[in-house]
Amino acid sequence: MKEKIHPDYHKITVVMTDGSSFETRSTWGKEGASLRLDIDPKTHPAWTGVRQSIDRGGRVQRFKDRFGMVGGVGAGIKATGAKAEAAPATDAAKKK
């Protein structure tokens, strides 16, 4: 192997979502650093089989606020099932 081309491989502590931890070797961080996980095998739907919605930082709410979606499914659609048409912008709406 070539000298001085490989990253530093050292021990770190991985902290799971429930607070449990284990020690492993990694190239992440520095010697003795702690890596805190947001999602791990104890909470991820791929391992638990339970679907969950994670809204980090209010992304869904910001989207709804930006695009005016107030209700659930079908918000912004007329009762006839036709798609809602965009109303022409007025000068008062542009100044907001």
PDB file of N, CA and C in Angstrom:
ATOM      1  N   MET A   1       0.838  -1.189   0.000  1.00  0.00           N
ATOM      2  CA  MET A   1       0.000   0.000   0.000  1.00  0.00           C
ATOM      3  C   MET A   1       0.878   1.246   0.000  1.00  0.00           C
ATOM      4  N   LYS A   2       0.339   2.294  -0.610  1.00  0.00           N
ATOM      5  CA  LYS A   2       1.069   3.552  -0.655  1.00  0.00           C
ATOM      6  C   LYS A   2       0.995   4.231   0.706  1.00  0.00           C
ATOM      7  N   GLU A   3       2.038   4.939   1.043  1.00  0.00           N
ATOM      8  CA  GLU A   3       2.112   5.681   2.297  1.00  0.00           C
ATOM      9  C   GLU A   3       1.363   7.012   2.175  1.00  0.00           C
ATOM     10  N   LYS A   4       0.779   7.470   3.262  1.00  0.00           N
ATOM     11  CA  LYS A   4       0.179   8.797   3.424  1.00  0.00           C
ATOM     12  C   LYS A   4      -0.978   9.120   2.469  1.00  0.00           C
ATOM     13  N   ILE A   5      -1.694   8.118   1.963  1.00  0.00           N
ATOM     14  CA  ILE A   5      -2.859   8.408   1.124  1.00  0.00           C
ATOM     15  C   ILE A   5      -4.160   7.973   1.798  1.00  0.00           C
ATOM     16  N   HIS A   6      -4.072   7.280   2.907  1.00  0.00           N
ATOM     17  CA  HIS A   6      -5.254   6.776   3.580  1.00  0.00           C
ATOM     18  C   HIS A   6      -5.690   7.709   4.707  1.00  0.00           C
ATOM     19  N   PRO A   7      -7.008   7.866   4.930  1.00  0.00           N
ATOM     20  CA  PRO A   7      -7.476   8.735   6.022  1.00  0.00           C
ATOM     21  C   PRO A   7      -7.170   8.115   7.384  1.00  0.00           C
ATOM     22  N   ASP A   8      -7.158   8.963   8.402  1.00  0.00           N
ATOM     23  CA  ASP A   8      -6.904   8.520   9.769  1.00  0.00           C
ATOM     24  C   ASP A   8      -8.058   7.625  10.232  1.00  0.00           C
ATOM     25  N   TYR A   9      -7.748   6.447  10.716  1.00  0.00           N
ATOM     26  CA  TYR A   9      -8.741   5.468  11.162  1.00  0.00           C
ATOM     27  C   TYR A   9      -8.601   5.358  12.671  1.00  0.00           C
ATOM     28  N   HIS A  10      -9.636   5.777  13.426  1.00  0.00           N
ATOM     29  CA  HIS A  10      -9.525   5.882  14.876  1.00  0.00           C
ATOM     30  C   HIS A  10     -10.832   5.456  15.546  1.00  0.00           C
ATOM     31  N   LYS A  11     -10.828   5.415  16.881  1.00  0.00           N
ATOM     32  CA  LYS A  11     -12.010   5.011  17.641  1.00  0.00           C
ATOM     33  C   LYS A  11     -12.933   6.210  17.882  1.00  0.00           C
ATOM     34  N   ILE A  12     -14.265   5.987  17.692  1.00  0.00           N
ATOM     35  CA  ILE A  12     -15.284   6.977  18.012  1.00  0.00           C
ATOM     36  C   ILE A  12     -16.401   6.268  18.775  1.00  0.00           C
ATOM     37  N   THR A  13     -17.279   7.052  19.388  1.00  0.00           N
ATOM     38  CA  THR A  13     -18.439   6.518  20.089  1.00  0.00           C
ATOM     39  C   THR A  13     -19.688   6.899  19.299  1.00  0.00           C
ATOM     40  N   VAL A  14     -20.535   5.903  18.998  1.00  0.00           N
ATOM     41  CA  VAL A  14     -21.791   6.135  18.289  1.00  0.00           C
ATOM     42  C   VAL A  14     -22.915   6.085  19.320  1.00  0.00           C
ATOM     43  N   VAL A  15     -23.724   7.170  19.378  1.00  0.00           N
ATOM     44  CA  VAL A  15     -24.825   7.252  20.334  1.00  0.00           C
ATOM     45  C   VAL A  15     -26.129   7.083  19.563  1.00  0.00           C
ATOM     46  N   MET A  16     -26.900   6.049  19.935  1.00  0.00           N
ATOM     47  CA  MET A  16     -28.169   5.739  19.271  1.00  0.00           C
ATOM     48  C   MET A  16     -29.256   6.706  19.745  1.00  0.00           C
ATOM     49  N   THR A  17     -30.441   6.664  19.114  1.00  0.00           N
ATOM     50  CA  THR A  17     -31.533   7.572  19.459  1.00  0.00           C
ATOM     51  C   THR A  17     -32.064   7.350  20.858  1.00  0.00           C
ATOM     52  N   ASP A  18     -31.955   6.120  21.379  1.00  0.00           N
ATOM     53  CA  ASP A  18     -32.458   5.848  22.730  1.00  0.00           C
ATOM     54  C   ASP A  18     -31.423   6.126  23.814  1.00  0.00           C
ATOM     55  N   GLY A  19     -30.243   6.607  23.435  1.00  0.00           N
ATOM     56  CA  GLY A  19     -29.213   6.951  24.409  1.00  0.00           C
ATOM     57  C   GLY A  19     -28.136   5.886  24.585  1.00  0.00           C
ATOM     58  N   SER A  20     -28.396   4.677  24.115  1.00  0.00           N
ATOM     59  CA  SER A  20     -27.366   3.644  24.211  1.00  0.00           C
ATOM     60  C   SER A  20     -26.228   3.994  23.261  1.00  0.00           C
ATOM     61  N   SER A  21     -25.054   3.468  23.520  1.00  0.00           N
ATOM     62  CA  SER A  21     -23.899   3.802  22.690  1.00  0.00           C
ATOM     63  C   SER A  21     -22.985   2.596  22.541  1.00  0.00           C
ATOM     64  N   PHE A  22     -22.135   2.676  21.540  1.00  0.00           N
ATOM     65  CA  PHE A  22     -21.114   1.657  21.339  1.00  0.00           C
ATOM     66  C   PHE A  22     -19.889   2.311  20.721  1.00  0.00           C
ATOM     67  N   GLU A  23     -18.763   1.653  20.856  1.00  0.00           N
ATOM     68  CA  GLU A  23     -17.511   2.181  20.335  1.00  0.00           C
ATOM     69  C   GLU A  23     -17.143   1.422  19.068  1.00  0.00           C
ATOM     70  N   THR A  24     -16.688   2.155  18.066  1.00  0.00           N
ATOM     71  CA  THR A  24     -16.277   1.551  16.808  1.00  0.00           C
ATOM     72  C   THR A  24     -15.101   2.327  16.232  1.00  0.00           C
ATOM     73  N   ARG A  25     -14.568   1.843  15.146  1.00  0.00           N
ATOM     74  CA  ARG A  25     -13.480   2.546  14.471  1.00  0.00           C
ATOM     75  C   ARG A  25     -14.029   3.162  13.196  1.00  0.00           C
ATOM     76  N   SER A  26     -13.584   4.396  12.883  1.00  0.00           N
ATOM     77  CA  SER A  26     -14.116   5.125  11.740  1.00  0.00           C
ATOM     78  C   SER A  26     -13.121   6.179  11.273  1.00  0.00           C
ATOM     79  N   THR A  27     -13.383   6.713  10.090  1.00  0.00           N
ATOM     80  CA  THR A  27     -12.601   7.847   9.592  1.00  0.00           C
ATOM     81  C   THR A  27     -13.330   9.156   9.882  1.00  0.00           C
ATOM     82  N   TRP A  28     -14.558   9.081  10.452  1.00  0.00           N
ATOM     83  CA  TRP A  28     -15.355  10.264  10.774  1.00  0.00           C
ATOM     84  C   TRP A  28     -14.798  10.953  12.013  1.00  0.00           C
ATOM     85  N   GLY A  29     -14.761  12.270  12.023  1.00  0.00           N
ATOM     86  CA  GLY A  29     -14.374  13.039  13.204  1.00  0.00           C
ATOM     87  C   GLY A  29     -12.933  12.825  13.631  1.00  0.00           C
ATOM     88  N   LYS A  30     -12.737  13.016  14.922  1.00  0.00           N
ATOM     89  CA  LYS A  30     -11.404  12.853  15.500  1.00  0.00           C
ATOM     90  C   LYS A  30     -11.442  11.750  16.554  1.00  0.00           C
ATOM     91  N   GLU A  31     -10.316  11.322  16.996  1.00  0.00           N
ATOM     92  CA  GLU A  31     -10.201  10.278  18.029  1.00  0.00           C
ATOM     93  C   GLU A  31     -11.043  10.653  19.245  1.00  0.00           C
ATOM     94  N   GLY A  32     -11.943   9.752  19.669  1.00  0.00           N
ATOM     95  CA  GLY A  32     -12.763   9.962  20.851  1.00  0.00           C
ATOM     96  C   GLY A  32     -14.039  10.768  20.626  1.00  0.00           C
ATOM     97  N   ALA A  33     -14.327  11.181  19.398  1.00  0.00           N
ATOM     98  CA  ALA A  33     -15.529  11.970  19.108  1.00  0.00           C
ATOM     99  C   ALA A  33     -16.789  11.124  19.275  1.00  0.00           C
ATOM    100  N   SER A  34     -17.930  11.792  19.490  1.00  0.00           N
ATOM    101  CA  SER A  34     -19.219  11.107  19.610  1.00  0.00           C
ATOM    102  C   SER A  34     -20.086  11.448  18.410  1.00  0.00           C
ATOM    103  N   LEU A  35     -20.616  10.431  17.762  1.00  0.00           N
ATOM    104  CA  LEU A  35     -21.513  10.590  16.622  1.00  0.00           C
ATOM    105  C   LEU A  35     -22.925  10.278  17.097  1.00  0.00           C
ATOM    106  N   ARG A  36     -23.801  11.306  17.114  1.00  0.00           N
ATOM    107  CA  ARG A  36     -25.194  11.121  17.557  1.00  0.00           C
ATOM    108  C   ARG A  36     -26.059  10.865  16.336  1.00  0.00           C
ATOM    109  N   LEU A  37     -26.833   9.790  16.368  1.00  0.00           N
ATOM    110  CA  LEU A  37     -27.681   9.412  15.250  1.00  0.00           C
ATOM    111  C   LEU A  37     -29.091   9.978  15.409  1.00  0.00           C
ATOM    112  N   ASP A  38     -29.686  10.450  14.311  1.00  0.00           N
ATOM    113  CA  ASP A  38     -31.080  10.884  14.300  1.00  0.00           C
ATOM    114  C   ASP A  38     -31.994   9.695  14.032  1.00  0.00           C
ATOM    115  N   ILE A  39     -31.555   8.791  13.167  1.00  0.00           N
ATOM    116  CA  ILE A  39     -32.308   7.603  12.803  1.00  0.00           C
ATOM    117  C   ILE A  39     -31.356   6.424  12.888  1.00  0.00           C
ATOM    118  N   ASP A  40     -31.798   5.351  13.509  1.00  0.00           N
ATOM    119  CA  ASP A  40     -30.982   4.155  13.618  1.00  0.00           C
ATOM    120  C   ASP A  40     -31.868   2.921  13.416  1.00  0.00           C
ATOM    121  N   PRO A  41     -31.320   1.721  13.451  1.00  0.00           N
ATOM    122  CA  PRO A  41     -32.125   0.513  13.230  1.00  0.00           C
ATOM    123  C   PRO A  41     -33.280   0.341  14.219  1.00  0.00           C
ATOM    124  N   LYS A  42     -33.210   0.983  15.376  1.00  0.00           N
ATOM    125  CA  LYS A  42     -34.292   0.853  16.355  1.00  0.00           C
ATOM    126  C   LYS A  42     -35.491   1.730  15.998  1.00  0.00           C
ATOM    127  N   THR A  43     -35.287   2.760  15.150  1.00  0.00           N
ATOM    128  CA  THR A  43     -36.380   3.678  14.804  1.00  0.00           C
ATOM    129  C   THR A  43     -36.671   3.747  13.314  1.00  0.00           C
ATOM    130  N   HIS A  44     -35.814   3.228  12.466  1.00  0.00           N
ATOM    131  CA  HIS A  44     -35.999   3.343  11.020  1.00  0.00           C
ATOM    132  C   HIS A  44     -37.061   2.363  10.524  1.00  0.00           C
ATOM    133  N   PRO A  45     -37.993   2.830   9.670  1.00  0.00           N
ATOM    134  CA  PRO A  45     -39.073   1.974   9.180  1.00  0.00           C
ATOM    135  C   PRO A  45     -38.597   0.732   8.436  1.00  0.00           C
ATOM    136  N   ALA A  46     -37.424   0.774   7.834  1.00  0.00           N
ATOM    137  CA  ALA A  46     -36.923  -0.395   7.115  1.00  0.00           C
ATOM    138  C   ALA A  46     -36.701  -1.574   8.060  1.00  0.00           C
ATOM    139  N   TRP A  47     -36.360  -1.304   9.311  1.00  0.00           N
ATOM    140  CA  TRP A  47     -36.128  -2.370  10.283  1.00  0.00           C
ATOM    141  C   TRP A  47     -37.335  -2.611  11.185  1.00  0.00           C
ATOM    142  N   THR A  48     -38.099  -1.555  11.480  1.00  0.00           N
ATOM    143  CA  THR A  48     -39.221  -1.711  12.407  1.00  0.00           C
ATOM    144  C   THR A  48     -40.502  -2.129  11.713  1.00  0.00           C
ATOM    145  N   GLY A  49     -40.644  -1.813  10.417  1.00  0.00           N
ATOM    146  CA  GLY A  49     -41.858  -2.129   9.688  1.00  0.00           C
ATOM    147  C   GLY A  49     -42.990  -1.164   9.965  1.00  0.00           C
ATOM    148  N   VAL A  50     -42.731  -0.101  10.722  1.00  0.00           N
ATOM    149  CA  VAL A  50     -43.737   0.892  11.067  1.00  0.00           C
ATOM    150  C   VAL A  50     -43.434   2.168  10.299  1.00  0.00           C
ATOM    151  N   ARG A  51     -44.424   2.673   9.577  1.00  0.00           N
ATOM    152  CA  ARG A  51     -44.228   3.932   8.845  1.00  0.00           C
ATOM    153  C   ARG A  51     -44.408   5.090   9.798  1.00  0.00           C
ATOM    154  N   GLN A  52     -43.547   6.070   9.664  1.00  0.00           N
ATOM    155  CA  GLN A  52     -43.651   7.267  10.490  1.00  0.00           C
ATOM    156  C   GLN A  52     -43.294   8.479   9.653  1.00  0.00           C
ATOM    157  N   SER A  53     -43.878   9.587   9.999  1.00  0.00           N
ATOM    158  CA  SER A  53     -43.612  10.826   9.285  1.00  0.00           C
ATOM    159  C   SER A  53     -42.694  11.686  10.139  1.00  0.00           C
ATOM    160  N   ILE A  54     -41.552  12.040   9.569  1.00  0.00           N
ATOM    161  CA  ILE A  54     -40.600  12.876  10.281  1.00  0.00           C
ATOM    162  C   ILE A  54     -40.532  14.219   9.566  1.00  0.00           C
ATOM    163  N   ASP A  55     -40.906  15.276  10.250  1.00  0.00           N
ATOM    164  CA  ASP A  55     -40.882  16.610   9.676  1.00  0.00           C
ATOM    165  C   ASP A  55     -39.800  17.408  10.396  1.00  0.00           C
ATOM    166  N   ARG A  56     -38.609  17.396   9.836  1.00  0.00           N
ATOM    167  CA  ARG A  56     -37.502  18.111  10.450  1.00  0.00           C
ATOM    168  C   ARG A  56     -37.545  19.567  10.031  1.00  0.00           C
ATOM    169  N   GLY A  57     -37.574  20.444  10.985  1.00  0.00           N
ATOM    170  CA  GLY A  57     -37.502  21.868  10.711  1.00  0.00           C
ATOM    171  C   GLY A  57     -38.765  22.456  10.132  1.00  0.00           C
ATOM    172  N   GLY A  58     -39.900  21.769  10.230  1.00  0.00           N
ATOM    173  CA  GLY A  58     -41.164  22.316   9.751  1.00  0.00           C
ATOM    174  C   GLY A  58     -41.248  22.444   8.244  1.00  0.00           C
ATOM    175  N   ARG A  59     -40.589  21.567   7.496  1.00  0.00           N
ATOM    176  CA  ARG A  59     -40.572  21.661   6.041  1.00  0.00           C
ATOM    177  C   ARG A  59     -41.973  21.540   5.447  1.00  0.00           C
ATOM    178  N   VAL A  60     -42.755  20.620   5.965  1.00  0.00           N
ATOM    179  CA  VAL A  60     -44.109  20.435   5.452  1.00  0.00           C
ATOM    180  C   VAL A  60     -44.944  21.685   5.712  1.00  0.00           C
ATOM    181  N   GLN A  61     -44.836  22.238   6.911  1.00  0.00           N
ATOM    182  CA  GLN A  61     -45.604  23.442   7.237  1.00  0.00           C
ATOM    183  C   GLN A  61     -45.164  24.623   6.384  1.00  0.00           C
ATOM    184  N   ARG A  62     -43.867  24.787   6.136  1.00  0.00           N
ATOM    185  CA  ARG A  62     -43.390  25.868   5.281  1.00  0.00           C
ATOM    186  C   ARG A  62     -43.923  25.710   3.863  1.00  0.00           C
ATOM    187  N   PHE A  63     -43.996  24.464   3.364  1.00  0.00           N
ATOM    188  CA  PHE A  63     -44.541  24.212   2.038  1.00  0.00           C
ATOM    189  C   PHE A  63     -46.012  24.596   1.992  1.00  0.00           C
ATOM    190  N   LYS A  64     -46.768  24.186   3.008  1.00  0.00           N
ATOM    191  CA  LYS A  64     -48.194  24.516   3.056  1.00  0.00           C
ATOM    192  C   LYS A  64     -48.398  26.021   3.151  1.00  0.00           C
ATOM    193  N   ASP A  65     -47.581  26.705   3.951  1.00  0.00           N
ATOM    194  CA  ASP A  65     -47.689  28.156   4.078  1.00  0.00           C
ATOM    195  C   ASP A  65     -47.367  28.848   2.753  1.00  0.00           C
ATOM    196  N   ARG A  66     -46.350  28.365   2.076  1.00  0.00           N
ATOM    197  CA  ARG A  66     -45.913  28.993   0.836  1.00  0.00           C
ATOM    198  C   ARG A  66     -46.942  28.827  -0.282  1.00  0.00           C
ATOM    199  N   PHE A  67     -47.522  27.633  -0.377  1.00  0.00           N
ATOM    200  CA  PHE A  67     -48.428  27.348  -1.478  1.00  0.00           C
ATOM    201  C   PHE A  67     -49.901  27.383  -1.077  1.00  0.00           C
ATOM    202  N   GLY A  68     -50.206  27.778   0.153  1.00  0.00           N
ATOM    203  CA  GLY A  68     -51.579  27.999   0.582  1.00  0.00           C
ATOM    204  C   GLY A  68     -52.407  26.750   0.733  1.00  0.00           C
ATOM    205  N   MET A  69     -51.811  25.638   1.044  1.00  0.00           N
ATOM    206  CA  MET A  69     -52.560  24.394   1.229  1.00  0.00           C
ATOM    207  C   MET A  69     -53.022  24.331   2.677  1.00  0.00           C
ATOM    208  N   VAL A  70     -54.316  24.455   2.887  1.00  0.00           N
ATOM    209  CA  VAL A  70     -54.854  24.525   4.235  1.00  0.00           C
ATOM    210  C   VAL A  70     -55.398  23.180   4.679  1.00  0.00           C
ATOM    211  N   GLY A  71     -56.149  22.513   3.816  1.00  0.00           N
ATOM    212  CA  GLY A  71     -56.813  21.268   4.177  1.00  0.00           C
ATOM    213  C   GLY A  71     -55.947  20.055   3.921  1.00  0.00           C
ATOM    214  N   GLY A  72     -56.580  18.924   3.956  1.00  0.00           N
ATOM    215  CA  GLY A  72     -55.896  17.664   3.709  1.00  0.00           C
ATOM    216  C   GLY A  72     -55.932  17.331   2.230  1.00  0.00           C
ATOM    217  N   VAL A  73     -56.302  16.102   1.899  1.00  0.00           N
ATOM    218  CA  VAL A  73     -56.355  15.648   0.526  1.00  0.00           C
ATOM    219  C   VAL A  73     -57.452  16.410  -0.207  1.00  0.00           C
ATOM    220  N   GLY A  74     -57.167  16.875  -1.392  1.00  0.00           N
ATOM    221  CA  GLY A  74     -58.158  17.570  -2.199  1.00  0.00           C
ATOM    222  C   GLY A  74     -58.240  19.057  -1.942  1.00  0.00           C
ATOM    223  N   ALA A  75     -57.354  19.611  -1.123  1.00  0.00           N
ATOM    224  CA  ALA A  75     -57.388  21.050  -0.861  1.00  0.00           C
ATOM    225  C   ALA A  75     -57.086  21.787  -2.156  1.00  0.00           C
ATOM    226  N   GLY A  76     -57.864  22.805  -2.438  1.00  0.00           N
ATOM    227  CA  GLY A  76     -57.636  23.598  -3.640  1.00  0.00           C
ATOM    228  C   GLY A  76     -58.315  23.035  -4.873  1.00  0.00           C
ATOM    229  N   ILE A  77     -59.126  21.996  -4.744  1.00  0.00           N
ATOM    230  CA  ILE A  77     -59.833  21.407  -5.875  1.00  0.00           C
ATOM    231  C   ILE A  77     -61.315  21.668  -5.703  1.00  0.00           C
ATOM    232  N   LYS A  78     -61.984  22.068  -6.776  1.00  0.00           N
ATOM    233  CA  LYS A  78     -63.409  22.365  -6.728  1.00  0.00           C
ATOM    234  C   LYS A  78     -64.214  21.101  -6.446  1.00  0.00           C
ATOM    235  N   ALA A  79     -65.446  21.293  -5.987  1.00  0.00           N
ATOM    236  CA  ALA A  79     -66.319  20.177  -5.646  1.00  0.00           C
ATOM    237  C   ALA A  79     -66.637  19.299  -6.840  1.00  0.00           C
ATOM    238  N   THR A  80     -66.544  19.836  -8.061  1.00  0.00           N
ATOM    239  CA  THR A  80     -66.856  19.054  -9.255  1.00  0.00           C
ATOM    240  C   THR A  80     -65.738  18.095  -9.611  1.00  0.00           C
ATOM    241  N   GLY A  81     -64.619  18.221  -8.957  1.00  0.00           N
ATOM    242  CA  GLY A  81     -63.480  17.350  -9.247  1.00  0.00           C
ATOM    243  C   GLY A  81     -62.520  17.958 -10.248  1.00  0.00           C
ATOM    244  N   ALA A  82     -62.896  19.096 -10.839  1.00  0.00           N
ATOM    245  CA  ALA A  82     -62.011  19.765 -11.786  1.00  0.00           C
ATOM    246  C   ALA A  82     -60.898  20.462 -11.028  1.00  0.00           C
ATOM    247  N   LYS A  83     -59.774  20.610 -11.686  1.00  0.00           N
ATOM    248  CA  LYS A  83     -58.651  21.296 -11.050  1.00  0.00           C
ATOM    249  C   LYS A  83     -58.957  22.773 -10.915  1.00  0.00           C
ATOM    250  N   ALA A  84     -58.499  23.365  -9.832  1.00  0.00           N
ATOM    251  CA  ALA A  84     -58.701  24.793  -9.601  1.00  0.00           C
ATOM    252  C   ALA A  84     -57.827  25.580 -10.561  1.00  0.00           C
ATOM    253  N   GLU A  85     -58.382  26.655 -11.107  1.00  0.00           N
ATOM    254  CA  GLU A  85     -57.619  27.494 -12.016  1.00  0.00           C
ATOM    255  C   GLU A  85     -57.001  28.642 -11.233  1.00  0.00           C
ATOM    256  N   ALA A  86     -55.826  29.075 -11.666  1.00  0.00           N
ATOM    257  CA  ALA A  86     -55.142  30.183 -11.005  1.00  0.00           C
ATOM    258  C   ALA A  86     -55.841  31.486 -11.363  1.00  0.00           C
ATOM    259  N   ALA A  87     -56.112  32.295 -10.352  1.00  0.00           N
ATOM    260  CA  ALA A  87     -56.741  33.597 -10.572  1.00  0.00           C
ATOM    261  C   ALA A  87     -55.668  34.579 -11.008  1.00  0.00           C
ATOM    262  N   PRO A  88     -56.006  35.529 -11.878  1.00  0.00           N
ATOM    263  CA  PRO A  88     -55.009  36.513 -12.299  1.00  0.00           C
ATOM    264  C   PRO A  88     -54.588  37.373 -11.103  1.00  0.00           C
ATOM    265  N   ALA A  89     -53.302  37.694 -11.062  1.00  0.00           N
ATOM    266  CA  ALA A  89     -52.770  38.476  -9.950  1.00  0.00           C
ATOM    267  C   ALA A  89     -53.218  39.930 -10.072  1.00  0.00           C
ATOM    268  N   THR A  90     -53.577  40.517  -8.940  1.00  0.00           N
ATOM    269  CA  THR A  90     -53.979  41.920  -8.920  1.00  0.00           C
ATOM    270  C   THR A  90     -52.827  42.740  -8.368  1.00  0.00           C
ATOM    271  N   ASP A  91     -52.918  44.045  -8.506  1.00  0.00           N
ATOM    272  CA  ASP A  91     -51.863  44.917  -8.009  1.00  0.00           C
ATOM    273  C   ASP A  91     -51.740  44.816  -6.490  1.00  0.00           C
ATOM    274  N   ALA A  92     -52.865  44.649  -5.788  1.00  0.00           N
ATOM    275  CA  ALA A  92     -52.831  44.547  -4.330  1.00  0.00           C
ATOM    276  C   ALA A  92     -52.112  43.273  -3.908  1.00  0.00           C
ATOM    277  N   ALA A  93     -52.298  42.176  -4.649  1.00  0.00           N
ATOM    278  CA  ALA A  93     -51.658  40.914  -4.301  1.00  0.00           C
ATOM    279  C   ALA A  93     -50.158  40.975  -4.557  1.00  0.00           C
ATOM    280  N   LYS A  94     -49.743  41.730  -5.575  1.00  0.00           N
ATOM    281  CA  LYS A  94     -48.323  41.839  -5.894  1.00  0.00           C
ATOM    282  C   LYS A  94     -47.551  42.617  -4.843  1.00  0.00           C
ATOM    283  N   LYS A  95     -48.211  43.556  -4.150  1.00  0.00           N
ATOM    284  CA  LYS A  95     -47.532  44.417  -3.184  1.00  0.00           C
ATOM    285  C   LYS A  95     -47.332  43.747  -1.838  1.00  0.00           C
ATOM    286  N   LYS A  96     -47.873  42.577  -1.602  1.00  0.00           N
ATOM    287  CA  LYS A  96     -47.759  41.896  -0.300  1.00  0.00           C
ATOM    288  C   LYS A  96     -46.361  41.488   0.001  1.00  0.00           C
TER     289      LYS A  96
END
